[in-house]
Each structure stands twice: as C-alpha cells, then as structure tokens.
C-alpha cells in the first residue's frame, strides 16, 4: 500500500510519461523489502541493497587520475559481485548521486561499452580484467543508457528517502526512531 500511494501521488503531481513511470517501477521493484538506516549513509544503503539482491556490492574510491580523464563513477560487474568506484574528492551529495547512477546501470541491466573498457588499464591492479563480466563508466550523457541511468539515479534518491527505516543496532536506536518520527511525521518509520 505504501508504494501504491506514492505511485498515485507521483502520477498525479508530476505527470510522468510512460518511460519515466517504467523507470520508477524498476526502482520500486528493486528496492522492495530494502530498509535503510537513519541517518542515511550510502554505505548502509549499499549493504541493505546487497542483502536484498543476494549479491555483494562494494564501494571503492577511484585512484588519483594522474592527468587521465577518468569517469567520476565506474561500475565493474564480476560474476559474483559488483564494485562501484567513485571519485574521492567530492561532496557527499555528489558522491551519493554518482553511486546511485552506477546502481541505476545495475538495476536497468545496462551493458558496458568498449570505450569504458579501455579505461581499465588506468585502474588499480585489483581490477582483474579476466574476472570482469561488465563495466560501465559515468563519462557523458549522450546515450540513452546514460540518460536513463541519470534519471533513475534521481528517482532512486527520491524513493530511498521514503523507504522504511531498519531497526537500529545502536544502543540509542529507540531514540533515533523517535527522533526520526518527530522530524518526519508522515514518513513510514516502522
């Protein structure tokens, strides 16, 4: 019921087209059952998404580019896990958008490009090209896949903000939940 109300509100308020509505449904389906910690961190979200997908998701910082034009984000899919590489010197908000963008590529089942594959030589040695199933980098927005990933990243940001809260493991978990409920009385904080 929670997702249905949000979908009805979204359709009424924003008047999304069929394509955008499809992207919303993909996100909602992928995040069904995911519960997030409050205060939100991209690390805890990736842990919850990993548990829901049954596939490890590892966040890593891209090395210094040494003058190379590396993308600000990179998704490397191995047969048994996913790695998202992001630039280190950026704001938390930008980092979150970069990670959401790469997660969007995963959720939309995008296939990598040969242009991004050529960047692998500049990345750390722990990225073994022989183990990689797919690679996707955030370089430009001229393709439909990049446009869809960026739009989906924005959709993810909105949906994640409305996800139910996971029980906190901290001794102050009850106080955190009360505080979250008082700060956002309309948010589903069960």
N, C-alpha and C. Protein backbone atom coordinates (compact mmCIF):
# COMPACT_ATOMS: atom_id res chain seq x y z
N UNK A 1 0.82 -1.18 0.00
CA UNK A 1 0.00 0.00 0.00
C UNK A 1 0.88 1.26 0.00
N UNK A 2 2.00 1.21 0.73
CA UNK A 2 2.90 2.35 0.83
C UNK A 2 3.39 2.76 -0.56
N UNK A 3 3.86 1.78 -1.36
CA UNK A 3 4.38 2.09 -2.69
C UNK A 3 3.25 2.54 -3.62
N UNK A 4 2.06 1.96 -3.49
CA UNK A 4 0.94 2.33 -4.34
C UNK A 4 0.54 3.79 -4.11
N UNK A 5 0.48 4.21 -2.84
CA UNK A 5 0.13 5.61 -2.54
C UNK A 5 1.16 6.55 -3.15
N UNK A 6 2.43 6.19 -3.03
CA UNK A 6 3.47 7.04 -3.59
C UNK A 6 3.36 7.10 -5.10
N UNK A 7 3.06 5.95 -5.75
CA UNK A 7 2.91 5.92 -7.19
C UNK A 7 1.74 6.80 -7.64
N UNK A 8 0.62 6.71 -6.94
CA UNK A 8 -0.54 7.54 -7.28
C UNK A 8 -0.21 9.02 -7.12
N UNK A 9 0.48 9.37 -6.04
CA UNK A 9 0.86 10.76 -5.82
C UNK A 9 1.81 11.22 -6.92
N UNK A 10 2.80 10.39 -7.26
CA UNK A 10 3.77 10.74 -8.29
C UNK A 10 3.08 10.99 -9.63
N UNK A 11 2.16 10.10 -10.01
CA UNK A 11 1.46 10.25 -11.29
C UNK A 11 0.62 11.52 -11.31
N UNK A 12 -0.01 11.81 -10.19
CA UNK A 12 -0.89 12.98 -10.10
C UNK A 12 -0.06 14.27 -10.12
N UNK A 13 1.02 14.31 -9.37
CA UNK A 13 1.78 15.54 -9.20
C UNK A 13 2.70 15.82 -10.37
N UNK A 14 3.42 14.84 -10.81
CA UNK A 14 4.46 15.10 -11.81
C UNK A 14 4.02 14.82 -13.23
N UNK A 15 2.97 14.05 -13.45
CA UNK A 15 2.53 13.74 -14.79
C UNK A 15 3.60 13.04 -15.61
N UNK A 16 4.27 12.05 -15.04
CA UNK A 16 5.34 11.36 -15.73
C UNK A 16 4.83 10.62 -16.95
N UNK A 17 5.69 10.52 -17.95
CA UNK A 17 5.37 9.75 -19.13
C UNK A 17 5.56 8.27 -18.88
N UNK A 18 5.26 7.48 -19.87
CA UNK A 18 5.36 6.03 -19.75
C UNK A 18 6.79 5.57 -19.46
N UNK A 19 7.75 6.17 -20.14
CA UNK A 19 9.15 5.78 -19.94
C UNK A 19 9.61 6.05 -18.51
N UNK A 20 9.33 7.24 -18.00
CA UNK A 20 9.71 7.58 -16.63
C UNK A 20 8.98 6.71 -15.62
N UNK A 21 7.72 6.42 -15.88
CA UNK A 21 6.96 5.54 -14.99
C UNK A 21 7.57 4.14 -14.95
N UNK A 22 8.05 3.66 -16.10
CA UNK A 22 8.72 2.36 -16.13
C UNK A 22 9.97 2.36 -15.27
N UNK A 23 10.74 3.45 -15.35
CA UNK A 23 11.96 3.55 -14.53
C UNK A 23 11.60 3.55 -13.04
N UNK A 24 10.52 4.25 -12.67
CA UNK A 24 10.05 4.24 -11.28
C UNK A 24 9.72 2.83 -10.83
N UNK A 25 9.00 2.08 -11.69
CA UNK A 25 8.61 0.71 -11.33
C UNK A 25 9.84 -0.19 -11.15
N UNK A 26 10.84 -0.03 -12.02
CA UNK A 26 12.07 -0.81 -11.88
C UNK A 26 12.72 -0.54 -10.53
N UNK A 27 12.79 0.74 -10.16
CA UNK A 27 13.39 1.11 -8.87
C UNK A 27 12.58 0.57 -7.70
N UNK A 28 11.28 0.75 -7.76
CA UNK A 28 10.43 0.27 -6.67
C UNK A 28 10.53 -1.24 -6.51
N UNK A 29 10.53 -1.95 -7.63
CA UNK A 29 10.65 -3.41 -7.56
C UNK A 29 12.00 -3.82 -6.97
N UNK A 30 13.06 -3.14 -7.40
CA UNK A 30 14.40 -3.47 -6.91
C UNK A 30 14.57 -3.17 -5.44
N UNK A 31 13.86 -2.16 -4.94
CA UNK A 31 14.03 -1.74 -3.55
C UNK A 31 12.97 -2.31 -2.61
N UNK A 32 12.06 -3.11 -3.16
CA UNK A 32 11.03 -3.72 -2.32
C UNK A 32 11.71 -4.59 -1.26
N UNK A 33 11.41 -4.33 -0.01
CA UNK A 33 12.00 -5.08 1.10
C UNK A 33 13.28 -4.47 1.66
N UNK A 34 13.83 -3.47 0.99
CA UNK A 34 15.03 -2.80 1.49
C UNK A 34 14.63 -1.82 2.58
N UNK A 35 15.32 -1.90 3.69
CA UNK A 35 15.10 -0.96 4.80
C UNK A 35 16.41 -0.22 5.03
N UNK A 36 16.33 1.08 5.27
CA UNK A 36 17.54 1.90 5.40
C UNK A 36 17.74 2.37 6.83
N UNK A 37 18.99 2.57 7.17
CA UNK A 37 19.34 3.13 8.48
C UNK A 37 19.16 4.64 8.42
N UNK A 38 18.78 5.21 9.52
CA UNK A 38 18.73 6.67 9.65
C UNK A 38 19.68 7.06 10.77
N UNK A 39 20.50 8.03 10.63
CA UNK A 39 20.63 8.86 9.44
C UNK A 39 21.19 8.05 8.27
N UNK A 40 20.77 8.43 7.09
CA UNK A 40 21.11 7.70 5.88
C UNK A 40 22.59 7.85 5.55
N UNK A 41 23.20 6.74 5.14
CA UNK A 41 24.53 6.77 4.54
C UNK A 41 24.49 5.90 3.30
N UNK A 42 25.27 6.25 2.31
CA UNK A 42 25.30 5.46 1.09
C UNK A 42 25.85 4.07 1.37
N UNK A 43 26.77 3.96 2.34
CA UNK A 43 27.33 2.65 2.70
C UNK A 43 26.27 1.72 3.27
N UNK A 44 25.45 2.23 4.20
CA UNK A 44 24.42 1.37 4.79
C UNK A 44 23.35 1.02 3.75
N UNK A 45 23.06 1.94 2.84
CA UNK A 45 22.11 1.63 1.78
C UNK A 45 22.64 0.52 0.88
N UNK A 46 23.92 0.60 0.51
CA UNK A 46 24.51 -0.43 -0.35
C UNK A 46 24.53 -1.78 0.36
N UNK A 47 24.75 -1.79 1.67
CA UNK A 47 24.68 -3.05 2.43
C UNK A 47 23.27 -3.63 2.38
N UNK A 48 22.26 -2.80 2.58
CA UNK A 48 20.87 -3.26 2.54
C UNK A 48 20.50 -3.75 1.14
N UNK A 49 20.94 -3.04 0.12
CA UNK A 49 20.66 -3.45 -1.26
C UNK A 49 21.37 -4.76 -1.58
N UNK A 50 22.60 -4.92 -1.09
CA UNK A 50 23.35 -6.17 -1.28
C UNK A 50 22.60 -7.34 -0.67
N UNK A 51 22.11 -7.15 0.54
CA UNK A 51 21.38 -8.22 1.22
C UNK A 51 20.11 -8.58 0.46
N UNK A 52 19.41 -7.58 -0.04
CA UNK A 52 18.17 -7.82 -0.76
C UNK A 52 18.43 -8.53 -2.09
N UNK A 53 19.50 -8.16 -2.79
CA UNK A 53 19.82 -8.75 -4.09
C UNK A 53 20.56 -10.08 -3.96
N UNK A 54 21.13 -10.35 -2.77
CA UNK A 54 21.90 -11.57 -2.60
C UNK A 54 23.19 -11.53 -3.40
N UNK A 55 23.73 -10.33 -3.58
CA UNK A 55 24.93 -10.12 -4.38
C UNK A 55 25.71 -8.97 -3.77
N UNK A 56 26.94 -9.20 -3.38
CA UNK A 56 27.73 -8.18 -2.70
C UNK A 56 27.95 -6.97 -3.60
N UNK A 57 27.84 -5.79 -2.97
CA UNK A 57 28.07 -4.52 -3.62
C UNK A 57 29.16 -3.80 -2.84
N UNK A 58 30.28 -3.55 -3.48
CA UNK A 58 31.44 -2.97 -2.81
C UNK A 58 31.67 -1.56 -3.35
N UNK A 59 31.82 -0.59 -2.44
CA UNK A 59 32.13 0.79 -2.82
C UNK A 59 33.63 1.00 -2.69
N UNK A 60 34.22 1.66 -3.68
CA UNK A 60 35.66 1.94 -3.68
C UNK A 60 35.91 3.33 -4.24
N UNK A 61 37.00 3.93 -3.80
CA UNK A 61 37.39 5.23 -4.34
C UNK A 61 38.31 5.04 -5.53
N UNK A 62 38.07 5.84 -6.58
CA UNK A 62 38.96 5.81 -7.74
C UNK A 62 40.31 6.40 -7.33
N UNK A 63 41.38 5.86 -7.88
CA UNK A 63 42.69 6.42 -7.58
C UNK A 63 42.85 7.78 -8.25
N UNK A 64 43.90 8.50 -7.86
CA UNK A 64 44.20 9.77 -8.49
C UNK A 64 44.40 9.51 -9.98
N UNK A 65 43.83 10.34 -10.81
CA UNK A 65 43.82 10.08 -12.25
C UNK A 65 45.14 10.34 -12.95
N UNK A 66 46.08 11.01 -12.29
CA UNK A 66 47.38 11.33 -12.91
C UNK A 66 47.22 11.96 -14.29
N UNK A 67 46.24 12.85 -14.41
CA UNK A 67 46.02 13.56 -15.66
C UNK A 67 45.12 12.85 -16.65
N UNK A 68 44.78 11.60 -16.41
CA UNK A 68 43.87 10.89 -17.31
C UNK A 68 42.45 11.37 -17.08
N UNK A 69 41.63 11.30 -18.10
CA UNK A 69 40.22 11.68 -17.95
C UNK A 69 39.42 10.45 -17.56
N UNK A 70 39.42 10.14 -16.28
CA UNK A 70 38.64 9.02 -15.77
C UNK A 70 37.22 9.48 -15.50
N UNK A 71 36.27 8.59 -15.59
CA UNK A 71 34.90 8.97 -15.22
C UNK A 71 34.83 9.23 -13.72
N UNK A 72 33.79 9.94 -13.28
CA UNK A 72 33.64 10.18 -11.84
C UNK A 72 33.01 8.98 -11.14
N UNK A 73 32.52 8.03 -11.91
CA UNK A 73 31.97 6.80 -11.35
C UNK A 73 32.18 5.66 -12.32
N UNK A 74 32.27 4.46 -11.77
CA UNK A 74 32.50 3.28 -12.60
C UNK A 74 31.87 2.08 -11.92
N UNK A 75 31.10 1.32 -12.67
CA UNK A 75 30.53 0.07 -12.15
C UNK A 75 31.27 -1.07 -12.82
N UNK A 76 31.83 -1.94 -12.00
CA UNK A 76 32.51 -3.14 -12.50
C UNK A 76 31.75 -4.34 -11.97
N UNK A 77 31.19 -5.12 -12.89
CA UNK A 77 30.42 -6.31 -12.52
C UNK A 77 31.29 -7.54 -12.67
N UNK A 78 31.47 -8.23 -11.59
CA UNK A 78 32.14 -9.53 -11.60
C UNK A 78 31.05 -10.59 -11.59
N UNK A 79 31.38 -11.83 -11.91
CA UNK A 79 30.35 -12.87 -11.90
C UNK A 79 29.62 -13.01 -10.57
N UNK A 80 30.32 -12.72 -9.46
CA UNK A 80 29.72 -12.96 -8.14
C UNK A 80 29.49 -11.71 -7.30
N UNK A 81 29.90 -10.53 -7.78
CA UNK A 81 29.72 -9.30 -7.01
C UNK A 81 29.87 -8.09 -7.91
N UNK A 82 29.44 -6.94 -7.39
CA UNK A 82 29.54 -5.68 -8.10
C UNK A 82 30.43 -4.73 -7.32
N UNK A 83 31.23 -3.94 -8.04
CA UNK A 83 32.06 -2.91 -7.42
C UNK A 83 31.70 -1.58 -8.06
N UNK A 84 31.49 -0.59 -7.22
CA UNK A 84 31.24 0.76 -7.72
C UNK A 84 32.42 1.62 -7.26
N UNK A 85 33.09 2.18 -8.24
CA UNK A 85 34.21 3.08 -7.99
C UNK A 85 33.71 4.50 -8.16
N UNK A 86 34.11 5.40 -7.26
CA UNK A 86 33.68 6.79 -7.32
C UNK A 86 34.86 7.68 -7.01
N UNK A 87 34.79 8.92 -7.46
CA UNK A 87 35.87 9.86 -7.17
C UNK A 87 35.88 10.18 -5.68
N UNK A 88 37.06 10.45 -5.17
CA UNK A 88 37.21 10.71 -3.74
C UNK A 88 36.97 12.18 -3.39
N UNK A 89 37.48 13.07 -4.17
CA UNK A 89 37.44 14.49 -3.83
C UNK A 89 36.15 15.13 -4.34
N UNK A 90 35.08 14.89 -3.62
CA UNK A 90 33.79 15.46 -3.99
C UNK A 90 32.92 15.57 -2.74
N UNK A 91 31.80 16.23 -2.86
CA UNK A 91 30.88 16.35 -1.72
C UNK A 91 30.17 15.02 -1.51
N UNK A 92 29.61 14.83 -0.33
CA UNK A 92 28.84 13.62 -0.03
C UNK A 92 27.63 13.52 -0.97
N UNK A 93 27.01 14.65 -1.25
CA UNK A 93 25.82 14.67 -2.12
C UNK A 93 26.19 14.21 -3.53
N UNK A 94 27.30 14.74 -4.05
CA UNK A 94 27.74 14.34 -5.39
C UNK A 94 28.15 12.87 -5.41
N UNK A 95 28.84 12.44 -4.38
CA UNK A 95 29.25 11.03 -4.28
C UNK A 95 28.02 10.12 -4.29
N UNK A 96 26.99 10.49 -3.54
CA UNK A 96 25.76 9.71 -3.49
C UNK A 96 25.11 9.63 -4.87
N UNK A 97 25.07 10.76 -5.59
CA UNK A 97 24.47 10.77 -6.93
C UNK A 97 25.28 9.88 -7.88
N UNK A 98 26.61 9.92 -7.78
CA UNK A 98 27.47 9.08 -8.61
C UNK A 98 27.18 7.60 -8.34
N UNK A 99 27.11 7.24 -7.06
CA UNK A 99 26.84 5.84 -6.69
C UNK A 99 25.45 5.43 -7.15
N UNK A 100 24.45 6.28 -6.94
CA UNK A 100 23.09 5.98 -7.42
C UNK A 100 23.08 5.79 -8.94
N UNK A 101 23.84 6.60 -9.64
CA UNK A 101 23.92 6.50 -11.10
C UNK A 101 24.45 5.12 -11.51
N UNK A 102 25.49 4.67 -10.83
CA UNK A 102 26.06 3.35 -11.15
C UNK A 102 25.11 2.23 -10.74
N UNK A 103 24.44 2.39 -9.61
CA UNK A 103 23.43 1.40 -9.20
C UNK A 103 22.31 1.36 -10.24
N UNK A 104 21.95 2.51 -10.79
CA UNK A 104 20.91 2.56 -11.82
C UNK A 104 21.31 1.70 -13.02
N UNK A 105 22.58 1.78 -13.44
CA UNK A 105 23.04 0.92 -14.54
C UNK A 105 22.81 -0.56 -14.18
N UNK A 106 23.10 -0.92 -12.93
CA UNK A 106 22.90 -2.31 -12.49
C UNK A 106 21.43 -2.69 -12.56
N UNK A 107 20.58 -1.85 -11.98
CA UNK A 107 19.17 -2.17 -11.90
C UNK A 107 18.50 -2.21 -13.28
N UNK A 108 19.00 -1.38 -14.19
CA UNK A 108 18.44 -1.34 -15.54
C UNK A 108 19.08 -2.37 -16.47
N UNK A 109 20.01 -3.14 -15.92
CA UNK A 109 20.69 -4.21 -16.66
C UNK A 109 21.37 -3.69 -17.93
N UNK A 110 22.05 -2.55 -17.79
CA UNK A 110 22.76 -1.98 -18.93
C UNK A 110 24.02 -2.80 -19.22
N UNK A 111 24.41 -2.77 -20.47
CA UNK A 111 25.62 -3.47 -20.91
C UNK A 111 26.73 -2.44 -21.10
N UNK A 112 27.95 -2.81 -20.78
CA UNK A 112 29.10 -1.91 -20.86
C UNK A 112 29.46 -1.53 -22.28
N UNK A 113 30.32 -0.50 -22.37
CA UNK A 113 30.77 -0.04 -23.67
C UNK A 113 32.27 -0.29 -23.80
N UNK A 114 32.73 -0.40 -25.04
CA UNK A 114 34.15 -0.63 -25.27
C UNK A 114 34.99 0.58 -24.89
N UNK A 115 34.41 1.79 -24.98
CA UNK A 115 35.16 2.99 -24.61
C UNK A 115 35.52 2.98 -23.13
N UNK A 116 34.61 2.55 -22.28
CA UNK A 116 34.88 2.49 -20.85
C UNK A 116 35.86 1.35 -20.55
N UNK A 117 35.74 0.26 -21.27
CA UNK A 117 36.64 -0.87 -21.04
C UNK A 117 38.10 -0.47 -21.23
N UNK A 118 38.37 0.49 -22.11
CA UNK A 118 39.74 0.93 -22.34
C UNK A 118 40.33 1.64 -21.13
N UNK A 119 39.49 2.11 -20.21
CA UNK A 119 39.97 2.78 -19.01
C UNK A 119 40.56 1.81 -17.98
N UNK A 120 40.28 0.53 -18.12
CA UNK A 120 40.70 -0.44 -17.12
C UNK A 120 42.21 -0.45 -16.90
N UNK A 121 42.98 -0.14 -17.92
CA UNK A 121 44.43 -0.14 -17.77
C UNK A 121 44.90 0.90 -16.75
N UNK A 122 44.11 1.96 -16.55
CA UNK A 122 44.50 3.03 -15.62
C UNK A 122 44.03 2.77 -14.20
N UNK A 123 43.26 1.72 -13.98
CA UNK A 123 42.71 1.46 -12.66
C UNK A 123 43.61 0.54 -11.85
N UNK A 124 43.35 0.45 -10.55
CA UNK A 124 44.21 -0.34 -9.67
C UNK A 124 44.29 -1.81 -10.10
N UNK A 125 45.38 -2.47 -9.72
CA UNK A 125 45.61 -3.85 -10.13
C UNK A 125 44.57 -4.85 -9.60
N UNK A 126 43.83 -4.49 -8.54
CA UNK A 126 42.84 -5.44 -8.03
C UNK A 126 41.65 -5.62 -8.97
N UNK A 127 41.56 -4.79 -9.99
CA UNK A 127 40.52 -4.99 -11.00
C UNK A 127 41.14 -5.88 -12.08
N UNK A 128 40.92 -7.16 -11.97
CA UNK A 128 41.47 -8.12 -12.93
C UNK A 128 40.55 -8.22 -14.14
N UNK A 129 40.99 -7.74 -15.30
CA UNK A 129 40.12 -7.77 -16.49
C UNK A 129 39.56 -9.15 -16.81
N UNK A 130 40.27 -10.20 -16.51
CA UNK A 130 39.79 -11.55 -16.83
C UNK A 130 38.57 -11.95 -15.99
N UNK A 131 38.35 -11.31 -14.83
CA UNK A 131 37.22 -11.64 -13.96
C UNK A 131 35.98 -10.79 -14.24
N UNK A 132 36.09 -9.76 -15.06
CA UNK A 132 35.01 -8.79 -15.25
C UNK A 132 33.95 -9.30 -16.20
N UNK A 133 32.70 -9.21 -15.78
CA UNK A 133 31.56 -9.57 -16.63
C UNK A 133 31.08 -8.35 -17.42
N UNK A 134 31.09 -7.18 -16.78
CA UNK A 134 30.64 -5.95 -17.44
C UNK A 134 31.30 -4.77 -16.75
N UNK A 135 31.46 -3.69 -17.50
CA UNK A 135 31.99 -2.46 -16.92
C UNK A 135 31.20 -1.29 -17.52
N UNK A 136 30.91 -0.33 -16.67
CA UNK A 136 30.15 0.82 -17.11
C UNK A 136 30.71 2.04 -16.40
N UNK A 137 31.01 3.09 -17.12
CA UNK A 137 31.56 4.30 -16.53
C UNK A 137 30.68 5.49 -16.77
N UNK A 138 30.72 6.41 -15.84
CA UNK A 138 29.93 7.63 -15.92
C UNK A 138 30.79 8.68 -16.60
N UNK A 139 30.68 8.80 -17.92
CA UNK A 139 31.54 9.70 -18.66
C UNK A 139 30.77 10.85 -19.31
N UNK A 140 29.63 10.54 -19.94
CA UNK A 140 28.83 11.59 -20.56
C UNK A 140 27.38 11.13 -20.58
N UNK A 141 26.51 11.99 -21.06
CA UNK A 141 25.08 11.68 -21.03
C UNK A 141 24.49 11.70 -22.43
N UNK A 142 25.30 11.38 -23.43
CA UNK A 142 24.83 11.46 -24.80
C UNK A 142 24.09 10.20 -25.26
N UNK A 143 24.17 9.12 -24.51
CA UNK A 143 23.48 7.90 -24.91
C UNK A 143 22.20 7.73 -24.10
N UNK A 144 21.29 6.92 -24.64
CA UNK A 144 20.04 6.66 -23.93
C UNK A 144 20.31 5.98 -22.59
N UNK A 145 21.29 5.06 -22.55
CA UNK A 145 21.59 4.37 -21.29
C UNK A 145 22.09 5.35 -20.23
N UNK A 146 22.95 6.28 -20.61
CA UNK A 146 23.45 7.26 -19.64
C UNK A 146 22.33 8.19 -19.18
N UNK A 147 21.50 8.61 -20.09
CA UNK A 147 20.37 9.47 -19.73
C UNK A 147 19.44 8.73 -18.76
N UNK A 148 19.11 7.48 -19.09
CA UNK A 148 18.24 6.70 -18.22
C UNK A 148 18.87 6.46 -16.85
N UNK A 149 20.18 6.22 -16.82
CA UNK A 149 20.86 5.99 -15.54
C UNK A 149 20.82 7.25 -14.68
N UNK A 150 21.01 8.40 -15.28
CA UNK A 150 20.98 9.64 -14.50
C UNK A 150 19.57 9.93 -13.99
N UNK A 151 18.57 9.73 -14.83
CA UNK A 151 17.19 9.92 -14.39
C UNK A 151 16.84 8.91 -13.29
N UNK A 152 17.25 7.68 -13.46
CA UNK A 152 16.98 6.64 -12.46
C UNK A 152 17.71 6.95 -11.16
N UNK A 153 18.90 7.52 -11.22
CA UNK A 153 19.61 7.91 -10.00
C UNK A 153 18.81 8.94 -9.22
N UNK A 154 18.19 9.87 -9.91
CA UNK A 154 17.36 10.87 -9.26
C UNK A 154 16.11 10.22 -8.66
N UNK A 155 15.53 9.29 -9.39
CA UNK A 155 14.37 8.55 -8.89
C UNK A 155 14.76 7.76 -7.64
N UNK A 156 15.91 7.09 -7.69
CA UNK A 156 16.39 6.34 -6.53
C UNK A 156 16.51 7.24 -5.31
N UNK A 157 17.05 8.43 -5.51
CA UNK A 157 17.22 9.37 -4.41
C UNK A 157 15.88 9.68 -3.76
N UNK A 158 14.85 9.88 -4.57
CA UNK A 158 13.53 10.19 -4.03
C UNK A 158 12.90 8.98 -3.33
N UNK A 159 13.03 7.81 -3.94
CA UNK A 159 12.44 6.60 -3.35
C UNK A 159 13.15 6.23 -2.05
N UNK A 160 14.48 6.31 -2.05
CA UNK A 160 15.25 5.94 -0.85
C UNK A 160 14.84 6.81 0.33
N UNK A 161 14.55 8.07 0.06
CA UNK A 161 14.14 8.97 1.14
C UNK A 161 12.85 8.51 1.80
N UNK A 162 12.04 7.73 1.09
CA UNK A 162 10.76 7.28 1.61
C UNK A 162 10.75 5.83 2.07
N UNK A 163 11.88 5.14 1.97
CA UNK A 163 11.92 3.74 2.39
C UNK A 163 11.73 3.61 3.89
N UNK A 164 11.16 2.49 4.33
CA UNK A 164 11.02 2.27 5.77
C UNK A 164 12.39 2.18 6.44
N UNK A 165 12.40 2.50 7.69
CA UNK A 165 13.65 2.51 8.45
C UNK A 165 13.93 1.14 9.04
N UNK A 166 15.18 0.74 8.94
CA UNK A 166 15.62 -0.52 9.55
C UNK A 166 15.81 -0.30 11.05
N UNK A 167 15.55 -1.31 11.84
CA UNK A 167 15.82 -1.18 13.28
C UNK A 167 17.31 -0.88 13.49
N UNK A 168 17.58 0.05 14.33
CA UNK A 168 18.97 0.43 14.60
C UNK A 168 19.62 -0.57 15.54
N UNK A 169 20.89 -0.85 15.28
CA UNK A 169 21.65 -1.75 16.15
C UNK A 169 22.32 -0.98 17.28
N UNK A 170 22.23 0.35 17.24
CA UNK A 170 22.90 1.14 18.27
C UNK A 170 22.08 1.14 19.55
N UNK A 171 22.75 1.40 20.71
CA UNK A 171 22.01 1.46 21.97
C UNK A 171 20.99 2.60 21.99
N UNK A 172 21.17 3.55 21.11
CA UNK A 172 20.25 4.68 21.06
C UNK A 172 19.23 4.52 19.94
N UNK A 173 19.04 3.29 19.45
CA UNK A 173 18.14 3.02 18.34
C UNK A 173 16.74 3.52 18.57
N UNK A 174 16.20 3.29 19.75
CA UNK A 174 14.85 3.75 20.05
C UNK A 174 14.78 5.27 19.98
N UNK A 175 15.76 5.94 20.55
CA UNK A 175 15.77 7.40 20.49
C UNK A 175 15.91 7.90 19.05
N UNK A 176 16.72 7.20 18.25
CA UNK A 176 16.87 7.58 16.84
C UNK A 176 15.54 7.47 16.11
N UNK A 177 14.78 6.39 16.36
CA UNK A 177 13.50 6.20 15.69
C UNK A 177 12.48 7.25 16.15
N UNK A 178 12.45 7.55 17.44
CA UNK A 178 11.54 8.59 17.95
C UNK A 178 11.89 9.93 17.32
N UNK A 179 13.19 10.24 17.27
CA UNK A 179 13.64 11.49 16.67
C UNK A 179 13.25 11.56 15.20
N UNK A 180 13.43 10.47 14.45
CA UNK A 180 13.08 10.44 13.03
C UNK A 180 11.58 10.62 12.84
N UNK A 181 10.79 10.00 13.70
CA UNK A 181 9.34 10.11 13.60
C UNK A 181 8.89 11.54 13.88
N UNK A 182 9.50 12.17 14.88
CA UNK A 182 9.12 13.55 15.22
C UNK A 182 9.56 14.52 14.12
N UNK A 183 10.68 14.24 13.50
CA UNK A 183 11.19 15.14 12.46
C UNK A 183 10.39 14.98 11.16
N UNK A 184 9.90 13.77 10.89
CA UNK A 184 9.19 13.48 9.65
C UNK A 184 7.92 12.70 9.99
N UNK A 185 6.89 13.35 10.50
CA UNK A 185 5.71 12.63 10.97
C UNK A 185 4.98 11.86 9.88
N UNK A 186 5.15 12.19 8.62
CA UNK A 186 4.44 11.49 7.55
C UNK A 186 5.26 10.33 6.98
N UNK A 187 6.53 10.24 7.34
CA UNK A 187 7.39 9.18 6.84
C UNK A 187 7.05 7.86 7.51
N UNK A 188 7.06 6.79 6.76
CA UNK A 188 6.81 5.45 7.28
C UNK A 188 8.06 4.97 8.00
N UNK A 189 8.11 5.08 9.31
CA UNK A 189 9.31 4.77 10.09
C UNK A 189 9.17 3.50 10.91
N UNK A 190 8.41 2.56 10.48
CA UNK A 190 8.25 1.32 11.25
C UNK A 190 9.52 0.57 11.39
